[in-house]
Amino acid sequence: MIIIVILLSVNALVGIVDDSISFHMLAYIDLRYQGCVRSIFTAVEQAIFDEHTPQDIGV
């Protein structure tokens, strides 16, 4: 599940495929798993835009 969330987060931020599909899937997973997506999405966002590796953030 974590890998799926990471892939959807990257797609939502970078826009490889339609962004709205990724955001809808992330919202569904977030509701289903009670907020786990927010921390992963934030970590992926920081890794992409702040040029940190996922290990620096603790993912």
C-alpha atoms as a PDB file:
ATOM      1  CA  MET A   1       0.000   0.000   0.000  1.00  0.00           C
ATOM      2  CA  ILE A   2       2.832   2.391   0.822  1.00  0.00           C
ATOM      3  CA  ILE A   3       4.394   1.866  -2.605  1.00  0.00           C
ATOM      4  CA  ILE A   4       1.069   2.638  -4.299  1.00  0.00           C
ATOM      5  CA  VAL A   5       0.722   5.837  -2.252  1.00  0.00           C
ATOM      6  CA  ILE A   6       4.265   6.901  -3.133  1.00  0.00           C
ATOM      7  CA  LEU A   7       3.652   6.303  -6.852  1.00  0.00           C
ATOM      8  CA  LEU A   8       0.341   8.173  -6.764  1.00  0.00           C
ATOM      9  CA  SER A   9       1.978  11.041  -4.855  1.00  0.00           C
ATOM     10  CA  VAL A  10       4.785  11.362  -7.390  1.00  0.00           C
ATOM     11  CA  ASN A  11       2.267  11.318 -10.228  1.00  0.00           C
ATOM     12  CA  ALA A  12       0.060  13.899  -8.517  1.00  0.00           C
ATOM     13  CA  LEU A  13       2.995  16.256  -7.979  1.00  0.00           C
ATOM     14  CA  VAL A  14       4.830  15.775 -11.270  1.00  0.00           C
ATOM     15  CA  GLY A  15       1.828  15.135 -13.514  1.00  0.00           C
ATOM     16  CA  ILE A  16       2.908  12.069 -15.482  1.00  0.00           C
ATOM     17  CA  VAL A  17      -0.701  10.950 -15.996  1.00  0.00           C
ATOM     18  CA  ASP A  18      -3.923  12.860 -15.233  1.00  0.00           C
ATOM     19  CA  ASP A  19      -3.390  14.526 -11.836  1.00  0.00           C
ATOM     20  CA  SER A  20      -7.037  14.415 -10.781  1.00  0.00           C
ATOM     21  CA  ILE A  21      -7.090  10.607 -10.841  1.00  0.00           C
ATOM     22  CA  SER A  22      -4.112  10.478  -8.486  1.00  0.00           C
ATOM     23  CA  PHE A  23      -5.609  13.019  -6.102  1.00  0.00           C
ATOM     24  CA  HIS A  24      -8.928  11.149  -6.003  1.00  0.00           C
ATOM     25  CA  MET A  25      -7.173   7.834  -5.317  1.00  0.00           C
ATOM     26  CA  LEU A  26      -5.018   9.438  -2.612  1.00  0.00           C
ATOM     27  CA  ALA A  27      -8.106  10.930  -0.974  1.00  0.00           C
ATOM     28  CA  TYR A  28      -9.852   7.549  -0.995  1.00  0.00           C
ATOM     29  CA  ILE A  29      -6.833   5.767   0.496  1.00  0.00           C
ATOM     30  CA  ASP A  30      -6.456   8.527   3.091  1.00  0.00           C
ATOM     31  CA  LEU A  31     -10.076   8.113   4.206  1.00  0.00           C
ATOM     32  CA  ARG A  32      -9.807   4.331   4.206  1.00  0.00           C
ATOM     33  CA  TYR A  33      -6.568   4.172   6.182  1.00  0.00           C
ATOM     34  CA  GLN A  34      -7.229   7.140   8.475  1.00  0.00           C
ATOM     35  CA  GLY A  35      -4.704   9.720   7.433  1.00  0.00           C
ATOM     36  CA  CYS A  36      -1.649   7.667   6.478  1.00  0.00           C
ATOM     37  CA  VAL A  37      -1.424   9.358   3.084  1.00  0.00           C
ATOM     38  CA  ARG A  38      -0.765  12.884   4.367  1.00  0.00           C
ATOM     39  CA  SER A  39       2.602  12.090   5.917  1.00  0.00           C
ATOM     40  CA  ILE A  40       3.734  10.041   2.909  1.00  0.00           C
ATOM     41  CA  PHE A  41       2.544  12.722   0.442  1.00  0.00           C
ATOM     42  CA  THR A  42       4.380  15.413   2.419  1.00  0.00           C
ATOM     43  CA  ALA A  43       7.555  13.325   2.473  1.00  0.00           C
ATOM     44  CA  VAL A  44       7.368  12.706  -1.284  1.00  0.00           C
ATOM     45  CA  GLU A  45       6.690  16.398  -1.926  1.00  0.00           C
ATOM     46  CA  GLN A  46       9.743  17.370   0.122  1.00  0.00           C
ATOM     47  CA  ALA A  47      11.871  14.768  -1.633  1.00  0.00           C
ATOM     48  CA  ILE A  48      10.871  16.062  -5.068  1.00  0.00           C
ATOM     49  CA  PHE A  49      10.989  19.800  -4.479  1.00  0.00           C
ATOM     50  CA  ASP A  50      13.656  20.085  -1.781  1.00  0.00           C
ATOM     51  CA  GLU A  51      15.961  17.586  -3.514  1.00  0.00           C
ATOM     52  CA  HIS A  52      16.274  15.380  -0.447  1.00  0.00           C
ATOM     53  CA  THR A  53      16.461  11.638  -0.722  1.00  0.00           C
ATOM     54  CA  PRO A  54      13.626   9.634   0.862  1.00  0.00           C
ATOM     55  CA  GLN A  55      16.135   8.335   3.426  1.00  0.00           C
ATOM     56  CA  ASP A  56      16.793  11.908   4.603  1.00  0.00           C
ATOM     57  CA  ILE A  57      13.111  12.308   5.404  1.00  0.00           C
ATOM     58  CA  GLY A  58      12.628   8.897   6.953  1.00  0.00           C
ATOM     59  CA  VAL A  59      10.426   7.208   4.375  1.00  0.00           C
END
